[in-house]
Amino acid sequence: ITESQRNVDDDLAACAQNLYLSLVESKAGKPIIAPLVVTMLGDIGSQLNAAKIEAGEVTADAGNRNVLLWNSIYTAAGLSVNVLIECEGFEIDTWFEKTLVPCLASILQGRNKVNVLPVLRHRLVWL
């Protein structure tokens, strides 16, 4: 990958994040997008499954897609955490303790530490 390609990718990611923030913080977008992200964050089983896939504890045909999906959802949640904590039914402390801590523990204790990129490990620490 060349330096110019990396800059284009970084610029594209920054543009996508800015668009997402503009939408989730807008009067029209907030009531649609924020509850959707909160609903996705409520899928504890899928989050734990993605962590187990990254840890090498389970394999799945769509494993990489699940890991990348949760990387994207965690990115969205981290960017818009101030909006999400205002959503009814979302308790960030409970979600952190009941979901993120077990996911990170699963990844760190996993047996597959060589062949898998630490996508979720980096994202969970970022959160």
N, C-alpha and C. Protein backbone atom coordinates (compact mmCIF):
# COMPACT_ATOMS: atom_id res chain seq x y z
N ILE A 1 0.85 -1.18 0.00
CA ILE A 1 0.00 0.00 0.00
C ILE A 1 0.89 1.24 0.00
N THR A 2 0.60 2.12 -0.91
CA THR A 2 1.39 3.34 -1.00
C THR A 2 0.86 4.38 -0.02
N GLU A 3 1.68 5.36 0.24
CA GLU A 3 1.30 6.44 1.16
C GLU A 3 0.07 7.19 0.66
N SER A 4 -0.01 7.42 -0.65
CA SER A 4 -1.17 8.14 -1.18
C SER A 4 -2.44 7.30 -1.04
N GLN A 5 -2.34 5.98 -1.21
CA GLN A 5 -3.50 5.11 -1.03
C GLN A 5 -3.96 5.14 0.42
N ARG A 6 -3.01 5.11 1.34
CA ARG A 6 -3.34 5.16 2.77
C ARG A 6 -4.04 6.47 3.10
N ASN A 7 -3.57 7.57 2.53
CA ASN A 7 -4.20 8.86 2.79
C ASN A 7 -5.63 8.90 2.25
N VAL A 8 -5.86 8.31 1.08
CA VAL A 8 -7.20 8.25 0.51
C VAL A 8 -8.11 7.43 1.42
N ASP A 9 -7.62 6.29 1.89
CA ASP A 9 -8.42 5.46 2.78
C ASP A 9 -8.73 6.18 4.08
N ASP A 10 -7.74 6.87 4.63
CA ASP A 10 -7.95 7.63 5.86
C ASP A 10 -8.96 8.76 5.64
N ASP A 11 -8.84 9.44 4.51
CA ASP A 11 -9.77 10.52 4.19
C ASP A 11 -11.19 9.98 4.04
N LEU A 12 -11.32 8.84 3.39
CA LEU A 12 -12.64 8.24 3.19
C LEU A 12 -13.25 7.84 4.53
N ALA A 13 -12.45 7.26 5.41
CA ALA A 13 -12.94 6.88 6.74
C ALA A 13 -13.36 8.12 7.52
N ALA A 14 -12.58 9.17 7.46
CA ALA A 14 -12.91 10.40 8.17
C ALA A 14 -14.20 11.01 7.63
N CYS A 15 -14.37 10.98 6.32
CA CYS A 15 -15.61 11.51 5.71
C CYS A 15 -16.82 10.69 6.16
N ALA A 16 -16.67 9.37 6.16
CA ALA A 16 -17.78 8.51 6.58
C ALA A 16 -18.14 8.76 8.05
N GLN A 17 -17.13 8.92 8.88
CA GLN A 17 -17.39 9.18 10.30
C GLN A 17 -18.07 10.54 10.49
N ASN A 18 -17.62 11.53 9.76
CA ASN A 18 -18.26 12.86 9.86
C ASN A 18 -19.71 12.82 9.39
N LEU A 19 -19.97 12.09 8.32
CA LEU A 19 -21.34 11.95 7.83
C LEU A 19 -22.21 11.26 8.89
N TYR A 20 -21.70 10.17 9.44
CA TYR A 20 -22.44 9.45 10.48
C TYR A 20 -22.75 10.38 11.66
N LEU A 21 -21.74 11.11 12.14
CA LEU A 21 -21.98 12.02 13.27
C LEU A 21 -23.00 13.10 12.93
N SER A 22 -22.91 13.64 11.73
CA SER A 22 -23.89 14.65 11.32
C SER A 22 -25.30 14.08 11.33
N LEU A 23 -25.45 12.86 10.86
CA LEU A 23 -26.78 12.24 10.81
C LEU A 23 -27.28 11.90 12.21
N VAL A 24 -26.44 11.26 13.03
CA VAL A 24 -26.90 10.81 14.34
C VAL A 24 -27.16 11.98 15.30
N GLU A 25 -26.49 13.09 15.07
CA GLU A 25 -26.70 14.25 15.93
C GLU A 25 -27.78 15.19 15.41
N SER A 26 -28.29 14.95 14.21
CA SER A 26 -29.29 15.83 13.64
C SER A 26 -30.67 15.56 14.24
N LYS A 27 -31.51 16.54 14.16
CA LYS A 27 -32.87 16.43 14.68
C LYS A 27 -33.65 15.32 13.99
N ALA A 28 -33.45 15.17 12.69
CA ALA A 28 -34.17 14.15 11.93
C ALA A 28 -33.54 12.76 12.08
N GLY A 29 -32.23 12.69 12.20
CA GLY A 29 -31.55 11.40 12.23
C GLY A 29 -31.46 10.75 13.59
N LYS A 30 -31.37 11.57 14.62
CA LYS A 30 -31.18 11.04 15.98
C LYS A 30 -32.26 10.04 16.41
N PRO A 31 -33.55 10.32 16.20
CA PRO A 31 -34.56 9.36 16.64
C PRO A 31 -34.60 8.07 15.82
N ILE A 32 -33.92 8.05 14.69
CA ILE A 32 -33.89 6.85 13.86
C ILE A 32 -32.61 6.05 14.10
N ILE A 33 -31.48 6.73 14.03
CA ILE A 33 -30.19 6.04 14.06
C ILE A 33 -29.79 5.61 15.47
N ALA A 34 -29.95 6.47 16.45
CA ALA A 34 -29.50 6.14 17.81
C ALA A 34 -30.21 4.90 18.36
N PRO A 35 -31.54 4.79 18.27
CA PRO A 35 -32.18 3.56 18.76
C PRO A 35 -31.75 2.32 17.99
N LEU A 36 -31.45 2.47 16.72
CA LEU A 36 -30.98 1.34 15.92
C LEU A 36 -29.63 0.84 16.44
N VAL A 37 -28.72 1.75 16.72
CA VAL A 37 -27.40 1.37 17.26
C VAL A 37 -27.57 0.75 18.64
N VAL A 38 -28.44 1.31 19.47
CA VAL A 38 -28.69 0.75 20.80
C VAL A 38 -29.24 -0.67 20.69
N THR A 39 -30.16 -0.88 19.76
CA THR A 39 -30.71 -2.21 19.54
C THR A 39 -29.62 -3.20 19.14
N MET A 40 -28.74 -2.78 18.25
CA MET A 40 -27.64 -3.66 17.84
C MET A 40 -26.72 -3.96 19.02
N LEU A 41 -26.47 -2.98 19.86
CA LEU A 41 -25.61 -3.20 21.03
C LEU A 41 -26.25 -4.13 22.05
N GLY A 42 -27.55 -4.32 21.95
CA GLY A 42 -28.25 -5.23 22.84
C GLY A 42 -28.10 -6.69 22.45
N ASP A 43 -27.52 -6.96 21.29
CA ASP A 43 -27.32 -8.33 20.83
C ASP A 43 -26.03 -8.88 21.44
N ILE A 44 -26.11 -9.24 22.69
CA ILE A 44 -24.95 -9.69 23.45
C ILE A 44 -24.38 -10.98 22.87
N GLY A 45 -25.24 -11.89 22.47
CA GLY A 45 -24.79 -13.16 21.92
C GLY A 45 -23.92 -13.00 20.69
N SER A 46 -24.31 -12.12 19.80
CA SER A 46 -23.53 -11.89 18.59
C SER A 46 -22.19 -11.24 18.89
N GLN A 47 -22.18 -10.34 19.87
CA GLN A 47 -20.92 -9.71 20.26
C GLN A 47 -19.96 -10.72 20.86
N LEU A 48 -20.47 -11.58 21.73
CA LEU A 48 -19.63 -12.61 22.34
C LEU A 48 -19.15 -13.61 21.29
N ASN A 49 -20.01 -13.93 20.33
CA ASN A 49 -19.61 -14.83 19.25
C ASN A 49 -18.47 -14.23 18.43
N ALA A 50 -18.56 -12.95 18.11
CA ALA A 50 -17.49 -12.29 17.35
C ALA A 50 -16.19 -12.31 18.14
N ALA A 51 -16.28 -12.08 19.44
CA ALA A 51 -15.08 -12.12 20.29
C ALA A 51 -14.48 -13.53 20.30
N LYS A 52 -15.33 -14.53 20.38
CA LYS A 52 -14.84 -15.92 20.38
C LYS A 52 -14.22 -16.29 19.03
N ILE A 53 -14.76 -15.75 17.95
CA ILE A 53 -14.18 -16.00 16.63
C ILE A 53 -12.78 -15.39 16.57
N GLU A 54 -12.66 -14.15 17.02
CA GLU A 54 -11.35 -13.51 17.01
C GLU A 54 -10.37 -14.22 17.94
N ALA A 55 -10.87 -14.76 19.04
CA ALA A 55 -10.02 -15.46 19.99
C ALA A 55 -9.63 -16.85 19.49
N GLY A 56 -10.28 -17.33 18.43
CA GLY A 56 -9.98 -18.65 17.90
C GLY A 56 -10.71 -19.76 18.62
N GLU A 57 -11.72 -19.40 19.42
CA GLU A 57 -12.48 -20.40 20.18
C GLU A 57 -13.56 -21.07 19.34
N VAL A 58 -14.08 -20.37 18.37
CA VAL A 58 -15.09 -20.94 17.47
C VAL A 58 -14.75 -20.53 16.04
N THR A 59 -15.24 -21.30 15.11
CA THR A 59 -15.09 -20.94 13.71
C THR A 59 -16.48 -20.80 13.12
N ALA A 60 -16.57 -19.98 12.12
CA ALA A 60 -17.85 -19.78 11.46
C ALA A 60 -17.59 -19.40 10.02
N ASP A 61 -18.49 -19.78 9.14
CA ASP A 61 -18.35 -19.44 7.74
C ASP A 61 -18.33 -17.93 7.54
N ALA A 62 -19.15 -17.24 8.30
CA ALA A 62 -19.23 -15.78 8.18
C ALA A 62 -18.47 -15.10 9.31
N GLY A 63 -17.49 -15.78 9.88
CA GLY A 63 -16.77 -15.25 11.04
C GLY A 63 -16.14 -13.90 10.82
N ASN A 64 -15.41 -13.76 9.72
CA ASN A 64 -14.77 -12.47 9.47
C ASN A 64 -15.78 -11.35 9.29
N ARG A 65 -16.89 -11.67 8.64
CA ARG A 65 -17.93 -10.65 8.48
C ARG A 65 -18.50 -10.23 9.82
N ASN A 66 -18.68 -11.19 10.72
CA ASN A 66 -19.22 -10.86 12.04
C ASN A 66 -18.24 -9.99 12.83
N VAL A 67 -16.97 -10.30 12.76
CA VAL A 67 -15.95 -9.49 13.45
C VAL A 67 -15.94 -8.09 12.87
N LEU A 68 -15.95 -7.98 11.55
CA LEU A 68 -15.93 -6.65 10.92
C LEU A 68 -17.21 -5.88 11.18
N LEU A 69 -18.34 -6.59 11.23
CA LEU A 69 -19.61 -5.93 11.56
C LEU A 69 -19.53 -5.29 12.94
N TRP A 70 -19.04 -6.06 13.92
CA TRP A 70 -18.96 -5.51 15.27
C TRP A 70 -17.90 -4.43 15.39
N ASN A 71 -16.86 -4.51 14.62
CA ASN A 71 -15.89 -3.42 14.59
C ASN A 71 -16.58 -2.13 14.14
N SER A 72 -17.42 -2.24 13.12
CA SER A 72 -18.16 -1.06 12.61
C SER A 72 -19.17 -0.55 13.62
N ILE A 73 -19.89 -1.46 14.25
CA ILE A 73 -20.89 -1.04 15.24
C ILE A 73 -20.22 -0.38 16.43
N TYR A 74 -19.11 -0.94 16.88
CA TYR A 74 -18.39 -0.34 18.01
C TYR A 74 -17.83 1.03 17.63
N THR A 75 -17.39 1.18 16.39
CA THR A 75 -16.92 2.48 15.94
C THR A 75 -18.06 3.50 15.99
N ALA A 76 -19.21 3.11 15.48
CA ALA A 76 -20.37 4.01 15.51
C ALA A 76 -20.76 4.35 16.94
N ALA A 77 -20.75 3.34 17.81
CA ALA A 77 -21.12 3.58 19.22
C ALA A 77 -20.12 4.51 19.89
N GLY A 78 -18.85 4.29 19.63
CA GLY A 78 -17.83 5.15 20.24
C GLY A 78 -17.91 6.59 19.77
N LEU A 79 -18.19 6.77 18.50
CA LEU A 79 -18.31 8.12 17.95
C LEU A 79 -19.53 8.86 18.49
N SER A 80 -20.60 8.12 18.72
CA SER A 80 -21.86 8.77 19.11
C SER A 80 -22.29 8.45 20.53
N VAL A 81 -21.35 8.14 21.38
CA VAL A 81 -21.70 7.72 22.74
C VAL A 81 -22.53 8.77 23.48
N ASN A 82 -22.25 10.05 23.24
CA ASN A 82 -23.02 11.10 23.91
C ASN A 82 -24.48 11.10 23.50
N VAL A 83 -24.76 10.70 22.28
CA VAL A 83 -26.14 10.60 21.80
C VAL A 83 -26.77 9.32 22.34
N LEU A 84 -26.02 8.24 22.35
CA LEU A 84 -26.56 6.94 22.77
C LEU A 84 -26.94 6.92 24.24
N ILE A 85 -26.18 7.60 25.07
CA ILE A 85 -26.50 7.56 26.51
C ILE A 85 -27.81 8.29 26.81
N GLU A 86 -28.29 9.08 25.87
CA GLU A 86 -29.58 9.74 26.04
C GLU A 86 -30.74 8.85 25.63
N CYS A 87 -30.45 7.74 24.98
CA CYS A 87 -31.51 6.83 24.52
C CYS A 87 -32.11 6.08 25.69
N GLU A 88 -33.42 5.95 25.65
CA GLU A 88 -34.14 5.22 26.68
C GLU A 88 -33.76 3.75 26.63
N GLY A 89 -33.46 3.18 27.77
CA GLY A 89 -33.15 1.76 27.86
C GLY A 89 -31.68 1.42 27.66
N PHE A 90 -30.84 2.40 27.41
CA PHE A 90 -29.42 2.12 27.24
C PHE A 90 -28.65 2.59 28.46
N GLU A 91 -28.09 1.64 29.16
CA GLU A 91 -27.26 1.93 30.33
C GLU A 91 -25.83 1.56 29.97
N ILE A 92 -25.00 2.56 29.75
CA ILE A 92 -23.65 2.30 29.26
C ILE A 92 -22.82 1.51 30.27
N ASP A 93 -22.98 1.78 31.56
CA ASP A 93 -22.20 1.05 32.57
C ASP A 93 -22.55 -0.44 32.56
N THR A 94 -23.83 -0.73 32.48
CA THR A 94 -24.28 -2.13 32.44
C THR A 94 -23.79 -2.81 31.17
N TRP A 95 -23.92 -2.14 30.03
CA TRP A 95 -23.46 -2.70 28.77
C TRP A 95 -21.95 -2.95 28.81
N PHE A 96 -21.22 -2.02 29.37
CA PHE A 96 -19.77 -2.16 29.46
C PHE A 96 -19.39 -3.38 30.31
N GLU A 97 -20.02 -3.49 31.47
CA GLU A 97 -19.69 -4.59 32.39
C GLU A 97 -20.17 -5.95 31.89
N LYS A 98 -21.38 -5.99 31.34
CA LYS A 98 -21.98 -7.28 30.95
C LYS A 98 -21.56 -7.75 29.56
N THR A 99 -21.08 -6.83 28.73
CA THR A 99 -20.77 -7.21 27.35
C THR A 99 -19.31 -6.96 26.98
N LEU A 100 -18.86 -5.72 27.10
CA LEU A 100 -17.51 -5.41 26.63
C LEU A 100 -16.42 -6.10 27.44
N VAL A 101 -16.55 -6.13 28.74
CA VAL A 101 -15.53 -6.78 29.57
C VAL A 101 -15.44 -8.27 29.25
N PRO A 102 -16.56 -9.01 29.19
CA PRO A 102 -16.45 -10.42 28.80
C PRO A 102 -15.90 -10.63 27.39
N CYS A 103 -16.25 -9.76 26.46
CA CYS A 103 -15.72 -9.88 25.10
C CYS A 103 -14.21 -9.70 25.09
N LEU A 104 -13.74 -8.68 25.75
CA LEU A 104 -12.31 -8.42 25.78
C LEU A 104 -11.57 -9.53 26.52
N ALA A 105 -12.15 -10.04 27.60
CA ALA A 105 -11.53 -11.15 28.33
C ALA A 105 -11.44 -12.38 27.44
N SER A 106 -12.47 -12.66 26.68
CA SER A 106 -12.47 -13.80 25.77
C SER A 106 -11.36 -13.66 24.73
N ILE A 107 -11.23 -12.48 24.18
CA ILE A 107 -10.21 -12.24 23.15
C ILE A 107 -8.80 -12.38 23.74
N LEU A 108 -8.59 -11.80 24.90
CA LEU A 108 -7.25 -11.82 25.51
C LEU A 108 -6.85 -13.21 25.99
N GLN A 109 -7.82 -14.02 26.36
CA GLN A 109 -7.53 -15.37 26.83
C GLN A 109 -7.58 -16.40 25.72
N GLY A 110 -7.91 -15.97 24.51
CA GLY A 110 -8.06 -16.89 23.39
C GLY A 110 -6.77 -17.58 23.01
N ARG A 111 -6.93 -18.68 22.32
CA ARG A 111 -5.77 -19.48 21.96
C ARG A 111 -5.18 -19.10 20.60
N ASN A 112 -5.88 -18.34 19.80
CA ASN A 112 -5.41 -18.00 18.46
C ASN A 112 -4.85 -16.58 18.47
N LYS A 113 -3.63 -16.45 18.93
CA LYS A 113 -3.03 -15.12 19.04
C LYS A 113 -2.07 -14.79 17.91
N VAL A 114 -1.85 -15.74 17.01
CA VAL A 114 -0.87 -15.54 15.97
C VAL A 114 -1.51 -15.24 14.61
N ASN A 115 -2.53 -15.98 14.24
CA ASN A 115 -3.06 -15.93 12.87
C ASN A 115 -4.22 -14.97 12.66
N VAL A 116 -4.64 -14.27 13.66
CA VAL A 116 -5.81 -13.41 13.52
C VAL A 116 -5.42 -11.96 13.83
N LEU A 117 -5.85 -11.06 12.96
CA LEU A 117 -5.62 -9.64 13.23
C LEU A 117 -6.48 -9.23 14.42
N PRO A 118 -5.94 -8.47 15.33
CA PRO A 118 -6.68 -8.10 16.54
C PRO A 118 -7.66 -6.94 16.30
N VAL A 119 -8.59 -7.14 15.40
CA VAL A 119 -9.53 -6.08 15.01
C VAL A 119 -10.38 -5.64 16.22
N LEU A 120 -11.08 -6.59 16.82
CA LEU A 120 -11.95 -6.24 17.95
C LEU A 120 -11.15 -5.85 19.18
N ARG A 121 -10.02 -6.49 19.39
CA ARG A 121 -9.18 -6.13 20.54
C ARG A 121 -8.83 -4.64 20.49
N HIS A 122 -8.42 -4.18 19.32
CA HIS A 122 -8.08 -2.75 19.18
C HIS A 122 -9.31 -1.87 19.37
N ARG A 123 -10.45 -2.29 18.80
CA ARG A 123 -11.65 -1.47 18.89
C ARG A 123 -12.18 -1.42 20.32
N LEU A 124 -12.15 -2.53 21.04
CA LEU A 124 -12.64 -2.55 22.41
C LEU A 124 -11.77 -1.71 23.32
N VAL A 125 -10.48 -1.74 23.10
CA VAL A 125 -9.59 -0.89 23.90
C VAL A 125 -9.83 0.57 23.55
N TRP A 126 -10.10 0.86 22.28
CA TRP A 126 -10.41 2.22 21.84
C TRP A 126 -11.66 2.77 22.53
N LEU A 127 -12.65 1.88 22.73
CA LEU A 127 -13.89 2.32 23.38
C LEU A 127 -13.59 2.74 24.80
